[in-house]
């Protein structure tokens, strides 16, 4: 019997609500850094967690290529 195994992902999706001014600022920042808005949010959150010692292991911040 051939059982196909689904590759497990470590990425989770969720809904984030924010006001329009904040979203516009993030979108502009992302464009300035050549990142997608999602990639920019991931980078901001990763940096905040790293600076506060909240990450269990060292993770590399998203690169420009992986966040487009």
C-alpha atoms as a PDB file:
ATOM      1  CA  UNK A   1       0.000   0.000   0.000  1.00  0.00           C
ATOM      2  CA  UNK A   2       1.433   3.399  -1.046  1.00  0.00           C
ATOM      3  CA  UNK A   3       0.841   6.005   1.622  1.00  0.00           C
ATOM      4  CA  UNK A   4       1.624   9.549   0.585  1.00  0.00           C
ATOM      5  CA  UNK A   5       2.972  11.600   3.429  1.00  0.00           C
ATOM      6  CA  UNK A   6       2.223  15.293   3.579  1.00  0.00           C
ATOM      7  CA  UNK A   7       5.272  17.389   4.361  1.00  0.00           C
ATOM      8  CA  UNK A   8       4.733  19.056   7.707  1.00  0.00           C
ATOM      9  CA  UNK A   9       5.080  22.823   7.680  1.00  0.00           C
ATOM     10  CA  UNK A  10       6.243  25.025  10.512  1.00  0.00           C
ATOM     11  CA  UNK A  11       4.425  28.105   9.244  1.00  0.00           C
ATOM     12  CA  UNK A  12       1.073  29.022  10.736  1.00  0.00           C
ATOM     13  CA  UNK A  13      -1.414  31.517   9.369  1.00  0.00           C
ATOM     14  CA  UNK A  14      -3.491  33.918  11.409  1.00  0.00           C
ATOM     15  CA  UNK A  15      -5.548  37.067  10.969  1.00  0.00           C
ATOM     16  CA  UNK A  16      -4.029  40.334  12.150  1.00  0.00           C
ATOM     17  CA  UNK A  17      -6.080  43.495  12.496  1.00  0.00           C
ATOM     18  CA  UNK A  18      -4.454  46.938  12.514  1.00  0.00           C
ATOM     19  CA  UNK A  19      -5.477  50.462  11.690  1.00  0.00           C
ATOM     20  CA  UNK A  20      -5.007  51.754   8.154  1.00  0.00           C
ATOM     21  CA  UNK A  21      -2.251  54.249   9.037  1.00  0.00           C
ATOM     22  CA  UNK A  22      -0.136  51.502  10.598  1.00  0.00           C
ATOM     23  CA  UNK A  23      -0.743  49.205   7.637  1.00  0.00           C
ATOM     24  CA  UNK A  24       0.243  51.917   5.151  1.00  0.00           C
ATOM     25  CA  UNK A  25       3.462  52.568   7.099  1.00  0.00           C
ATOM     26  CA  UNK A  26       4.326  48.854   7.073  1.00  0.00           C
ATOM     27  CA  UNK A  27       3.563  48.560   3.363  1.00  0.00           C
ATOM     28  CA  UNK A  28       5.831  51.531   2.598  1.00  0.00           C
ATOM     29  CA  UNK A  29       8.610  50.157   4.819  1.00  0.00           C
ATOM     30  CA  UNK A  30       8.306  46.789   3.072  1.00  0.00           C
ATOM     31  CA  UNK A  31       8.556  48.453  -0.335  1.00  0.00           C
ATOM     32  CA  UNK A  32      11.623  50.416   0.796  1.00  0.00           C
ATOM     33  CA  UNK A  33      13.285  47.160   1.905  1.00  0.00           C
ATOM     34  CA  UNK A  34      12.180  45.212  -1.228  1.00  0.00           C
ATOM     35  CA  UNK A  35      10.092  42.823   0.888  1.00  0.00           C
ATOM     36  CA  UNK A  36       6.479  41.761   0.755  1.00  0.00           C
ATOM     37  CA  UNK A  37       4.228  43.156   3.452  1.00  0.00           C
ATOM     38  CA  UNK A  38       4.012  39.683   4.991  1.00  0.00           C
ATOM     39  CA  UNK A  39       7.788  39.319   4.877  1.00  0.00           C
ATOM     40  CA  UNK A  40       8.219  42.701   6.542  1.00  0.00           C
ATOM     41  CA  UNK A  41       5.825  41.763   9.343  1.00  0.00           C
ATOM     42  CA  UNK A  42       7.697  38.480   9.863  1.00  0.00           C
ATOM     43  CA  UNK A  43      10.988  40.379  10.022  1.00  0.00           C
ATOM     44  CA  UNK A  44       9.630  42.958  12.506  1.00  0.00           C
ATOM     45  CA  UNK A  45       8.245  40.237  14.783  1.00  0.00           C
ATOM     46  CA  UNK A  46      11.409  38.108  14.539  1.00  0.00           C
ATOM     47  CA  UNK A  47      13.611  41.096  15.434  1.00  0.00           C
ATOM     48  CA  UNK A  48      11.394  42.038  18.392  1.00  0.00           C
ATOM     49  CA  UNK A  49      11.447  38.446  19.700  1.00  0.00           C
ATOM     50  CA  UNK A  50      15.212  38.176  19.240  1.00  0.00           C
ATOM     51  CA  UNK A  51      15.919  41.492  20.989  1.00  0.00           C
ATOM     52  CA  UNK A  52      13.791  40.422  23.953  1.00  0.00           C
ATOM     53  CA  UNK A  53      15.292  36.942  24.246  1.00  0.00           C
ATOM     54  CA  UNK A  54      12.002  35.236  23.424  1.00  0.00           C
ATOM     55  CA  UNK A  55      13.181  32.869  20.669  1.00  0.00           C
ATOM     56  CA  UNK A  56      14.071  29.322  21.777  1.00  0.00           C
ATOM     57  CA  UNK A  57      16.655  28.911  19.033  1.00  0.00           C
ATOM     58  CA  UNK A  58      18.531  31.195  16.727  1.00  0.00           C
ATOM     59  CA  UNK A  59      16.536  31.678  13.561  1.00  0.00           C
ATOM     60  CA  UNK A  60      17.626  33.484  10.470  1.00  0.00           C
ATOM     61  CA  UNK A  61      15.504  36.489   9.540  1.00  0.00           C
ATOM     62  CA  UNK A  62      13.597  36.105   6.292  1.00  0.00           C
ATOM     63  CA  UNK A  63      15.707  37.001   3.280  1.00  0.00           C
ATOM     64  CA  UNK A  64      14.549  39.225   0.483  1.00  0.00           C
ATOM     65  CA  UNK A  65      14.239  36.263  -1.872  1.00  0.00           C
ATOM     66  CA  UNK A  66      12.191  34.072   0.481  1.00  0.00           C
ATOM     67  CA  UNK A  67       9.656  36.782   1.331  1.00  0.00           C
ATOM     68  CA  UNK A  68       8.555  37.901  -2.098  1.00  0.00           C
END
